[in-house]
Amino acid sequence: MVTAESGAITARYRETDGERLLEFEADGESAAIAQNIEGYAMLKVRPTADGDELERYYGFEMALDHAAELLGVAPKELPVPEEAADMGM
């Protein structure tokens, strides 16, 4: 697991057997972006890593926008660990 922080926002990137996961936490709120382990499928935005899918996106920037909305912050405030920077199609 790799962690990045920016202000009150913490990002955690990890890989499971089936997914790449980028999880965000800020002020008691959370959001997660998931992609298949091969790294070529659409991104799924969820309220938590194990939560139900809210929306799918091709682009990482759009997924980050949605995650930021769930956290109530601006997308530019989200710290993205280098290992997760290539998520999206």
PDB file of N, CA and C in Angstrom:
ATOM      1  N   MET A   1       0.845  -1.175   0.000  1.00  0.00           N
ATOM      2  CA  MET A   1       0.000   0.000   0.000  1.00  0.00           C
ATOM      3  C   MET A   1       0.892   1.242   0.000  1.00  0.00           C
ATOM      4  N   VAL A   2       0.483   2.218  -0.792  1.00  0.00           N
ATOM      5  CA  VAL A   2       1.185   3.490  -0.887  1.00  0.00           C
ATOM      6  C   VAL A   2       0.226   4.572  -0.413  1.00  0.00           C
ATOM      7  N   THR A   3       0.730   5.509   0.378  1.00  0.00           N
ATOM      8  CA  THR A   3      -0.105   6.571   0.937  1.00  0.00           C
ATOM      9  C   THR A   3       0.421   7.934   0.508  1.00  0.00           C
ATOM     10  N   ALA A   4      -0.516   8.853   0.250  1.00  0.00           N
ATOM     11  CA  ALA A   4      -0.171  10.249  -0.045  1.00  0.00           C
ATOM     12  C   ALA A   4      -1.140  11.131   0.732  1.00  0.00           C
ATOM     13  N   GLU A   5      -0.675  12.293   1.158  1.00  0.00           N
ATOM     14  CA  GLU A   5      -1.530  13.214   1.909  1.00  0.00           C
ATOM     15  C   GLU A   5      -1.418  14.617   1.354  1.00  0.00           C
ATOM     16  N   SER A   6      -2.524  15.337   1.444  1.00  0.00           N
ATOM     17  CA  SER A   6      -2.570  16.741   1.068  1.00  0.00           C
ATOM     18  C   SER A   6      -3.579  17.408   1.978  1.00  0.00           C
ATOM     19  N   GLY A   7      -3.091  18.227   2.889  1.00  0.00           N
ATOM     20  CA  GLY A   7      -3.986  18.839   3.860  1.00  0.00           C
ATOM     21  C   GLY A   7      -4.667  17.769   4.691  1.00  0.00           C
ATOM     22  N   ALA A   8      -5.991  17.802   4.729  1.00  0.00           N
ATOM     23  CA  ALA A   8      -6.763  16.837   5.509  1.00  0.00           C
ATOM     24  C   ALA A   8      -7.169  15.609   4.703  1.00  0.00           C
ATOM     25  N   ILE A   9      -6.667  15.487   3.462  1.00  0.00           N
ATOM     26  CA  ILE A   9      -7.056  14.370   2.595  1.00  0.00           C
ATOM     27  C   ILE A   9      -5.942  13.335   2.561  1.00  0.00           C
ATOM     28  N   THR A  10      -6.317  12.079   2.768  1.00  0.00           N
ATOM     29  CA  THR A  10      -5.379  10.965   2.678  1.00  0.00           C
ATOM     30  C   THR A  10      -5.793  10.077   1.514  1.00  0.00           C
ATOM     31  N   ALA A  11      -4.830   9.700   0.695  1.00  0.00           N
ATOM     32  CA  ALA A  11      -5.067   8.775  -0.413  1.00  0.00           C
ATOM     33  C   ALA A  11      -4.264   7.508  -0.161  1.00  0.00           C
ATOM     34  N   ARG A  12      -4.881   6.374  -0.432  1.00  0.00           N
ATOM     35  CA  ARG A  12      -4.194   5.085  -0.299  1.00  0.00           C
ATOM     36  C   ARG A  12      -4.384   4.311  -1.598  1.00  0.00           C
ATOM     37  N   TYR A  13      -3.282   3.840  -2.164  1.00  0.00           N
ATOM     38  CA  TYR A  13      -3.331   3.031  -3.377  1.00  0.00           C
ATOM     39  C   TYR A  13      -2.865   1.630  -3.029  1.00  0.00           C
ATOM     40  N   ARG A  14      -3.621   0.648  -3.501  1.00  0.00           N
ATOM     41  CA  ARG A  14      -3.230  -0.748  -3.284  1.00  0.00           C
ATOM     42  C   ARG A  14      -3.776  -1.596  -4.423  1.00  0.00           C
ATOM     43  N   GLU A  15      -3.212  -2.775  -4.556  1.00  0.00           N
ATOM     44  CA  GLU A  15      -3.684  -3.728  -5.545  1.00  0.00           C
ATOM     45  C   GLU A  15      -4.123  -4.997  -4.840  1.00  0.00           C
ATOM     46  N   THR A  16      -5.281  -5.505  -5.256  1.00  0.00           N
ATOM     47  CA  THR A  16      -5.778  -6.773  -4.749  1.00  0.00           C
ATOM     48  C   THR A  16      -5.603  -7.807  -5.857  1.00  0.00           C
ATOM     49  N   ASP A  17      -6.128  -8.991  -5.664  1.00  0.00           N
ATOM     50  CA  ASP A  17      -6.037 -10.022  -6.701  1.00  0.00           C
ATOM     51  C   ASP A  17      -6.766  -9.606  -7.976  1.00  0.00           C
ATOM     52  N   GLY A  18      -7.800  -8.770  -7.855  1.00  0.00           N
ATOM     53  CA  GLY A  18      -8.585  -8.425  -9.034  1.00  0.00           C
ATOM     54  C   GLY A  18      -8.673  -6.955  -9.381  1.00  0.00           C
ATOM     55  N   GLU A  19      -8.236  -6.069  -8.471  1.00  0.00           N
ATOM     56  CA  GLU A  19      -8.428  -4.645  -8.722  1.00  0.00           C
ATOM     57  C   GLU A  19      -7.253  -3.786  -8.271  1.00  0.00           C
ATOM     58  N   ARG A  20      -7.152  -2.646  -8.928  1.00  0.00           N
ATOM     59  CA  ARG A  20      -6.306  -1.549  -8.471  1.00  0.00           C
ATOM     60  C   ARG A  20      -7.257  -0.603  -7.749  1.00  0.00           C
ATOM     61  N   LEU A  21      -6.938  -0.211  -6.537  1.00  0.00           N
ATOM     62  CA  LEU A  21      -7.824   0.636  -5.730  1.00  0.00           C
ATOM     63  C   LEU A  21      -7.115   1.902  -5.270  1.00  0.00           C
ATOM     64  N   LEU A  22      -7.799   3.018  -5.479  1.00  0.00           N
ATOM     65  CA  LEU A  22      -7.331   4.302  -4.981  1.00  0.00           C
ATOM     66  C   LEU A  22      -8.427   4.810  -4.060  1.00  0.00           C
ATOM     67  N   GLU A  23      -8.112   4.865  -2.771  1.00  0.00           N
ATOM     68  CA  GLU A  23      -9.104   5.249  -1.763  1.00  0.00           C
ATOM     69  C   GLU A  23      -8.730   6.605  -1.171  1.00  0.00           C
ATOM     70  N   PHE A  24      -9.748   7.438  -0.967  1.00  0.00           N
ATOM     71  CA  PHE A  24      -9.562   8.762  -0.384  1.00  0.00           C
ATOM     72  C   PHE A  24     -10.381   8.876   0.890  1.00  0.00           C
ATOM     73  N   GLU A  25      -9.841   9.602   1.872  1.00  0.00           N
ATOM     74  CA  GLU A  25     -10.560   9.918   3.106  1.00  0.00           C
ATOM     75  C   GLU A  25     -10.302  11.378   3.459  1.00  0.00           C
ATOM     76  N   ALA A  26     -11.377  12.053   3.892  1.00  0.00           N
ATOM     77  CA  ALA A  26     -11.260  13.442   4.329  1.00  0.00           C
ATOM     78  C   ALA A  26     -12.441  13.767   5.230  1.00  0.00           C
ATOM     79  N   ASP A  27     -12.160  14.237   6.418  1.00  0.00           N
ATOM     80  CA  ASP A  27     -13.195  14.688   7.357  1.00  0.00           C
ATOM     81  C   ASP A  27     -14.329  13.675   7.528  1.00  0.00           C
ATOM     82  N   GLY A  28     -13.992  12.412   7.666  1.00  0.00           N
ATOM     83  CA  GLY A  28     -14.991  11.375   7.890  1.00  0.00           C
ATOM     84  C   GLY A  28     -15.704  10.894   6.643  1.00  0.00           C
ATOM     85  N   GLU A  29     -15.403  11.473   5.492  1.00  0.00           N
ATOM     86  CA  GLU A  29     -16.002  11.051   4.221  1.00  0.00           C
ATOM     87  C   GLU A  29     -14.995  10.191   3.467  1.00  0.00           C
ATOM     88  N   SER A  30     -15.499   9.351   2.571  1.00  0.00           N
ATOM     89  CA  SER A  30     -14.598   8.515   1.782  1.00  0.00           C
ATOM     90  C   SER A  30     -15.098   8.387   0.350  1.00  0.00           C
ATOM     91  N   ALA A  31     -14.173   8.016  -0.517  1.00  0.00           N
ATOM     92  CA  ALA A  31     -14.465   7.750  -1.921  1.00  0.00           C
ATOM     93  C   ALA A  31     -13.388   6.796  -2.415  1.00  0.00           C
ATOM     94  N   ALA A  32     -13.738   5.975  -3.393  1.00  0.00           N
ATOM     95  CA  ALA A  32     -12.772   5.030  -3.943  1.00  0.00           C
ATOM     96  C   ALA A  32     -12.921   4.962  -5.454  1.00  0.00           C
ATOM     97  N   ILE A  33     -11.792   4.761  -6.115  1.00  0.00           N
ATOM     98  CA  ILE A  33     -11.760   4.546  -7.554  1.00  0.00           C
ATOM     99  C   ILE A  33     -11.118   3.188  -7.770  1.00  0.00           C
ATOM    100  N   ALA A  34     -11.794   2.333  -8.552  1.00  0.00           N
ATOM    101  CA  ALA A  34     -11.303   0.972  -8.776  1.00  0.00           C
ATOM    102  C   ALA A  34     -11.178   0.703 -10.277  1.00  0.00           C
ATOM    103  N   GLN A  35     -10.189  -0.102 -10.625  1.00  0.00           N
ATOM    104  CA  GLN A  35      -9.973  -0.524 -12.001  1.00  0.00           C
ATOM    105  C   GLN A  35      -9.505  -1.971 -11.959  1.00  0.00           C
ATOM    106  N   ASN A  36      -9.767  -2.731 -13.035  1.00  0.00           N
ATOM    107  CA  ASN A  36      -9.307  -4.115 -13.011  1.00  0.00           C
ATOM    108  C   ASN A  36      -7.782  -4.161 -12.919  1.00  0.00           C
ATOM    109  N   ILE A  37      -7.268  -5.257 -12.456  1.00  0.00           N
ATOM    110  CA  ILE A  37      -5.838  -5.381 -12.169  1.00  0.00           C
ATOM    111  C   ILE A  37      -4.982  -5.219 -13.422  1.00  0.00           C
ATOM    112  N   GLU A  38      -5.548  -5.535 -14.599  1.00  0.00           N
ATOM    113  CA  GLU A  38      -4.807  -5.373 -15.841  1.00  0.00           C
ATOM    114  C   GLU A  38      -4.661  -3.906 -16.230  1.00  0.00           C
ATOM    115  N   GLY A  39      -5.517  -3.037 -15.669  1.00  0.00           N
ATOM    116  CA  GLY A  39      -5.387  -1.606 -15.878  1.00  0.00           C
ATOM    117  C   GLY A  39      -5.935  -1.076 -17.180  1.00  0.00           C
ATOM    118  N   TYR A  40      -6.877  -1.791 -17.808  1.00  0.00           N
ATOM    119  CA  TYR A  40      -7.397  -1.272 -19.068  1.00  0.00           C
ATOM    120  C   TYR A  40      -8.908  -1.077 -19.077  1.00  0.00           C
ATOM    121  N   ALA A  41      -9.598  -1.411 -18.027  1.00  0.00           N
ATOM    122  CA  ALA A  41     -11.061  -1.288 -17.988  1.00  0.00           C
ATOM    123  C   ALA A  41     -11.479   0.085 -17.476  1.00  0.00           C
ATOM    124  N   MET A  42     -12.773   0.362 -17.607  1.00  0.00           N
ATOM    125  CA  MET A  42     -13.319   1.616 -17.093  1.00  0.00           C
ATOM    126  C   MET A  42     -13.103   1.691 -15.587  1.00  0.00           C
ATOM    127  N   LEU A  43     -13.044   2.913 -15.095  1.00  0.00           N
ATOM    128  CA  LEU A  43     -12.878   3.159 -13.664  1.00  0.00           C
ATOM    129  C   LEU A  43     -14.240   3.181 -12.987  1.00  0.00           C
ATOM    130  N   LYS A  44     -14.329   2.577 -11.834  1.00  0.00           N
ATOM    131  CA  LYS A  44     -15.560   2.540 -11.053  1.00  0.00           C
ATOM    132  C   LYS A  44     -15.394   3.450  -9.844  1.00  0.00           C
ATOM    133  N   VAL A  45     -16.333   4.347  -9.640  1.00  0.00           N
ATOM    134  CA  VAL A  45     -16.308   5.208  -8.453  1.00  0.00           C
ATOM    135  C   VAL A  45     -17.288   4.633  -7.447  1.00  0.00           C
ATOM    136  N   ARG A  46     -16.824   4.489  -6.214  1.00  0.00           N
ATOM    137  CA  ARG A  46     -17.621   3.923  -5.129  1.00  0.00           C
ATOM    138  C   ARG A  46     -17.491   4.825  -3.895  1.00  0.00           C
ATOM    139  N   PRO A  47     -18.436   4.726  -2.970  1.00  0.00           N
ATOM    140  CA  PRO A  47     -18.298   5.499  -1.730  1.00  0.00           C
ATOM    141  C   PRO A  47     -17.183   4.952  -0.839  1.00  0.00           C
ATOM    142  N   THR A  48     -16.915   3.654  -0.931  1.00  0.00           N
ATOM    143  CA  THR A  48     -15.826   2.984  -0.218  1.00  0.00           C
ATOM    144  C   THR A  48     -15.259   1.911  -1.140  1.00  0.00           C
ATOM    145  N   ALA A  49     -14.121   1.344  -0.793  1.00  0.00           N
ATOM    146  CA  ALA A  49     -13.512   0.307  -1.632  1.00  0.00           C
ATOM    147  C   ALA A  49     -14.445  -0.883  -1.840  1.00  0.00           C
ATOM    148  N   ASP A  50     -15.218  -1.221  -0.816  1.00  0.00           N
ATOM    149  CA  ASP A  50     -16.131  -2.361  -0.895  1.00  0.00           C
ATOM    150  C   ASP A  50     -17.568  -1.957  -1.196  1.00  0.00           C
ATOM    151  N   GLY A  51     -17.810  -0.668  -1.396  1.00  0.00           N
ATOM    152  CA  GLY A  51     -19.165  -0.164  -1.613  1.00  0.00           C
ATOM    153  C   GLY A  51     -19.690  -0.456  -3.007  1.00  0.00           C
ATOM    154  N   ASP A  52     -20.954  -0.155  -3.194  1.00  0.00           N
ATOM    155  CA  ASP A  52     -21.597  -0.342  -4.489  1.00  0.00           C
ATOM    156  C   ASP A  52     -21.103   0.713  -5.471  1.00  0.00           C
ATOM    157  N   GLU A  53     -20.968   0.306  -6.708  1.00  0.00           N
ATOM    158  CA  GLU A  53     -20.536   1.211  -7.771  1.00  0.00           C
ATOM    159  C   GLU A  53     -21.557   2.326  -7.964  1.00  0.00           C
ATOM    160  N   LEU A  54     -21.068   3.559  -8.034  1.00  0.00           N
ATOM    161  CA  LEU A  54     -21.932   4.709  -8.270  1.00  0.00           C
ATOM    162  C   LEU A  54     -21.946   5.104  -9.741  1.00  0.00           C
ATOM    163  N   GLU A  55     -20.782   5.010 -10.391  1.00  0.00           N
ATOM    164  CA  GLU A  55     -20.653   5.440 -11.785  1.00  0.00           C
ATOM    165  C   GLU A  55     -19.375   4.854 -12.364  1.00  0.00           C
ATOM    166  N   ARG A  56     -19.319   4.756 -13.712  1.00  0.00           N
ATOM    167  CA  ARG A  56     -18.107   4.320 -14.416  1.00  0.00           C
ATOM    168  C   ARG A  56     -17.636   5.423 -15.343  1.00  0.00           C
ATOM    169  N   TYR A  57     -16.307   5.515 -15.466  1.00  0.00           N
ATOM    170  CA  TYR A  57     -15.706   6.533 -16.315  1.00  0.00           C
ATOM    171  C   TYR A  57     -14.548   5.933 -17.105  1.00  0.00           C
ATOM    172  N   TYR A  58     -14.339   6.435 -18.320  1.00  0.00           N
ATOM    173  CA  TYR A  58     -13.157   6.071 -19.097  1.00  0.00           C
ATOM    174  C   TYR A  58     -11.942   6.834 -18.598  1.00  0.00           C
ATOM    175  N   GLY A  59     -12.139   8.101 -18.289  1.00  0.00           N
ATOM    176  CA  GLY A  59     -11.014   8.962 -17.939  1.00  0.00           C
ATOM    177  C   GLY A  59     -10.794   9.101 -16.445  1.00  0.00           C
ATOM    178  N   PHE A  60      -9.541   9.143 -16.063  1.00  0.00           N
ATOM    179  CA  PHE A  60      -9.151   9.284 -14.666  1.00  0.00           C
ATOM    180  C   PHE A  60      -9.602  10.630 -14.111  1.00  0.00           C
ATOM    181  N   GLU A  61      -9.479  11.681 -14.916  1.00  0.00           N
ATOM    182  CA  GLU A  61      -9.860  13.018 -14.441  1.00  0.00           C
ATOM    183  C   GLU A  61     -11.339  13.073 -14.068  1.00  0.00           C
ATOM    184  N   MET A  62     -12.190  12.434 -14.858  1.00  0.00           N
ATOM    185  CA  MET A  62     -13.625  12.427 -14.552  1.00  0.00           C
ATOM    186  C   MET A  62     -13.908  11.640 -13.277  1.00  0.00           C
ATOM    187  N   ALA A  63     -13.192  10.529 -13.090  1.00  0.00           N
ATOM    188  CA  ALA A  63     -13.355   9.744 -11.867  1.00  0.00           C
ATOM    189  C   ALA A  63     -12.884  10.548 -10.652  1.00  0.00           C
ATOM    190  N   LEU A  64     -11.779  11.276 -10.805  1.00  0.00           N
ATOM    191  CA  LEU A  64     -11.290  12.122  -9.714  1.00  0.00           C
ATOM    192  C   LEU A  64     -12.290  13.229  -9.389  1.00  0.00           C
ATOM    193  N   ASP A  65     -12.916  13.806 -10.410  1.00  0.00           N
ATOM    194  CA  ASP A  65     -13.940  14.833 -10.182  1.00  0.00           C
ATOM    195  C   ASP A  65     -15.069  14.282  -9.320  1.00  0.00           C
ATOM    196  N   HIS A  66     -15.519  13.067  -9.643  1.00  0.00           N
ATOM    197  CA  HIS A  66     -16.620  12.458  -8.894  1.00  0.00           C
ATOM    198  C   HIS A  66     -16.178  12.144  -7.465  1.00  0.00           C
ATOM    199  N   ALA A  67     -14.975  11.604  -7.304  1.00  0.00           N
ATOM    200  CA  ALA A  67     -14.462  11.298  -5.966  1.00  0.00           C
ATOM    201  C   ALA A  67     -14.366  12.580  -5.128  1.00  0.00           C
ATOM    202  N   ALA A  68     -13.891  13.650  -5.736  1.00  0.00           N
ATOM    203  CA  ALA A  68     -13.786  14.929  -5.027  1.00  0.00           C
ATOM    204  C   ALA A  68     -15.166  15.429  -4.613  1.00  0.00           C
ATOM    205  N   GLU A  69     -16.137  15.258  -5.481  1.00  0.00           N
ATOM    206  CA  GLU A  69     -17.513  15.658  -5.159  1.00  0.00           C
ATOM    207  C   GLU A  69     -18.034  14.892  -3.944  1.00  0.00           C
ATOM    208  N   LEU A  70     -17.737  13.596  -3.886  1.00  0.00           N
ATOM    209  CA  LEU A  70     -18.166  12.792  -2.734  1.00  0.00           C
ATOM    210  C   LEU A  70     -17.523  13.275  -1.436  1.00  0.00           C
ATOM    211  N   LEU A  71     -16.305  13.774  -1.540  1.00  0.00           N
ATOM    212  CA  LEU A  71     -15.580  14.260  -0.361  1.00  0.00           C
ATOM    213  C   LEU A  71     -15.887  15.716  -0.041  1.00  0.00           C
ATOM    214  N   GLY A  72     -16.489  16.423  -0.978  1.00  0.00           N
ATOM    215  CA  GLY A  72     -16.782  17.833  -0.777  1.00  0.00           C
ATOM    216  C   GLY A  72     -15.564  18.728  -0.908  1.00  0.00           C
ATOM    217  N   VAL A  73     -14.631  18.332  -1.787  1.00  0.00           N
ATOM    218  CA  VAL A  73     -13.414  19.114  -2.015  1.00  0.00           C
ATOM    219  C   VAL A  73     -13.238  19.352  -3.512  1.00  0.00           C
ATOM    220  N   ALA A  74     -12.305  20.214  -3.860  1.00  0.00           N
ATOM    221  CA  ALA A  74     -11.971  20.443  -5.264  1.00  0.00           C
ATOM    222  C   ALA A  74     -11.085  19.302  -5.770  1.00  0.00           C
ATOM    223  N   PRO A  75     -11.263  18.878  -7.024  1.00  0.00           N
ATOM    224  CA  PRO A  75     -10.442  17.784  -7.562  1.00  0.00           C
ATOM    225  C   PRO A  75      -8.939  18.020  -7.438  1.00  0.00           C
ATOM    226  N   LYS A  76      -8.497  19.270  -7.581  1.00  0.00           N
ATOM    227  CA  LYS A  76      -7.057  19.563  -7.500  1.00  0.00           C
ATOM    228  C   LYS A  76      -6.489  19.331  -6.106  1.00  0.00           C
ATOM    229  N   GLU A  77      -7.365  19.194  -5.109  1.00  0.00           N
ATOM    230  CA  GLU A  77      -6.913  18.949  -3.738  1.00  0.00           C
ATOM    231  C   GLU A  77      -6.596  17.475  -3.478  1.00  0.00           C
ATOM    232  N   LEU A  78      -7.032  16.577  -4.370  1.00  0.00           N
ATOM    233  CA  LEU A  78      -6.835  15.148  -4.149  1.00  0.00           C
ATOM    234  C   LEU A  78      -5.383  14.757  -4.405  1.00  0.00           C
ATOM    235  N   PRO A  79      -4.719  14.183  -3.411  1.00  0.00           N
ATOM    236  CA  PRO A  79      -3.356  13.683  -3.636  1.00  0.00           C
ATOM    237  C   PRO A  79      -3.433  12.342  -4.370  1.00  0.00           C
ATOM    238  N   VAL A  80      -2.638  12.184  -5.408  1.00  0.00           N
ATOM    239  CA  VAL A  80      -2.641  10.937  -6.175  1.00  0.00           C
ATOM    240  C   VAL A  80      -1.236  10.335  -6.118  1.00  0.00           C
ATOM    241  N   PRO A  81      -1.096   9.184  -5.472  1.00  0.00           N
ATOM    242  CA  PRO A  81       0.210   8.532  -5.437  1.00  0.00           C
ATOM    243  C   PRO A  81       0.680   8.228  -6.861  1.00  0.00           C
ATOM    244  N   GLU A  82       1.968   8.330  -7.086  1.00  0.00           N
ATOM    245  CA  GLU A  82       2.553   8.107  -8.422  1.00  0.00           C
ATOM    246  C   GLU A  82       2.109   6.766  -9.013  1.00  0.00           C
ATOM    247  N   GLU A  83       1.991   5.737  -8.205  1.00  0.00           N
ATOM    248  CA  GLU A  83       1.619   4.407  -8.684  1.00  0.00           C
ATOM    249  C   GLU A  83       0.206   4.374  -9.268  1.00  0.00           C
ATOM    250  N   ALA A  84      -0.641   5.334  -8.905  1.00  0.00           N
ATOM    251  CA  ALA A  84      -2.015   5.375  -9.397  1.00  0.00           C
ATOM    252  C   ALA A  84      -2.215   6.362 -10.537  1.00  0.00           C
ATOM    253  N   ALA A  85      -1.197   7.123 -10.888  1.00  0.00           N
ATOM    254  CA  ALA A  85      -1.328   8.193 -11.873  1.00  0.00           C
ATOM    255  C   ALA A  85      -1.701   7.704 -13.266  1.00  0.00           C
ATOM    256  N   ASP A  86      -1.493   6.426 -13.565  1.00  0.00           N
ATOM    257  CA  ASP A  86      -1.809   5.908 -14.906  1.00  0.00           C
ATOM    258  C   ASP A  86      -3.158   5.201 -14.986  1.00  0.00           C
ATOM    259  N   MET A  87      -4.004   5.383 -13.981  1.00  0.00           N
ATOM    260  CA  MET A  87      -5.320   4.750 -14.015  1.00  0.00           C
ATOM    261  C   MET A  87      -6.176   5.420 -15.096  1.00  0.00           C
ATOM    262  N   GLY A  88      -7.093   4.670 -15.667  1.00  0.00           N
ATOM    263  CA  GLY A  88      -7.956   5.181 -16.725  1.00  0.00           C
ATOM    264  C   GLY A  88      -7.535   4.637 -18.071  1.00  0.00           C
ATOM    265  N   MET A  89      -8.355   4.935 -19.061  1.00  0.00           N
ATOM    266  CA  MET A  89      -8.085   4.398 -20.401  1.00  0.00           C
ATOM    267  C   MET A  89      -7.432   5.438 -21.288  1.00  0.00           C
TER     268      MET A  89
END
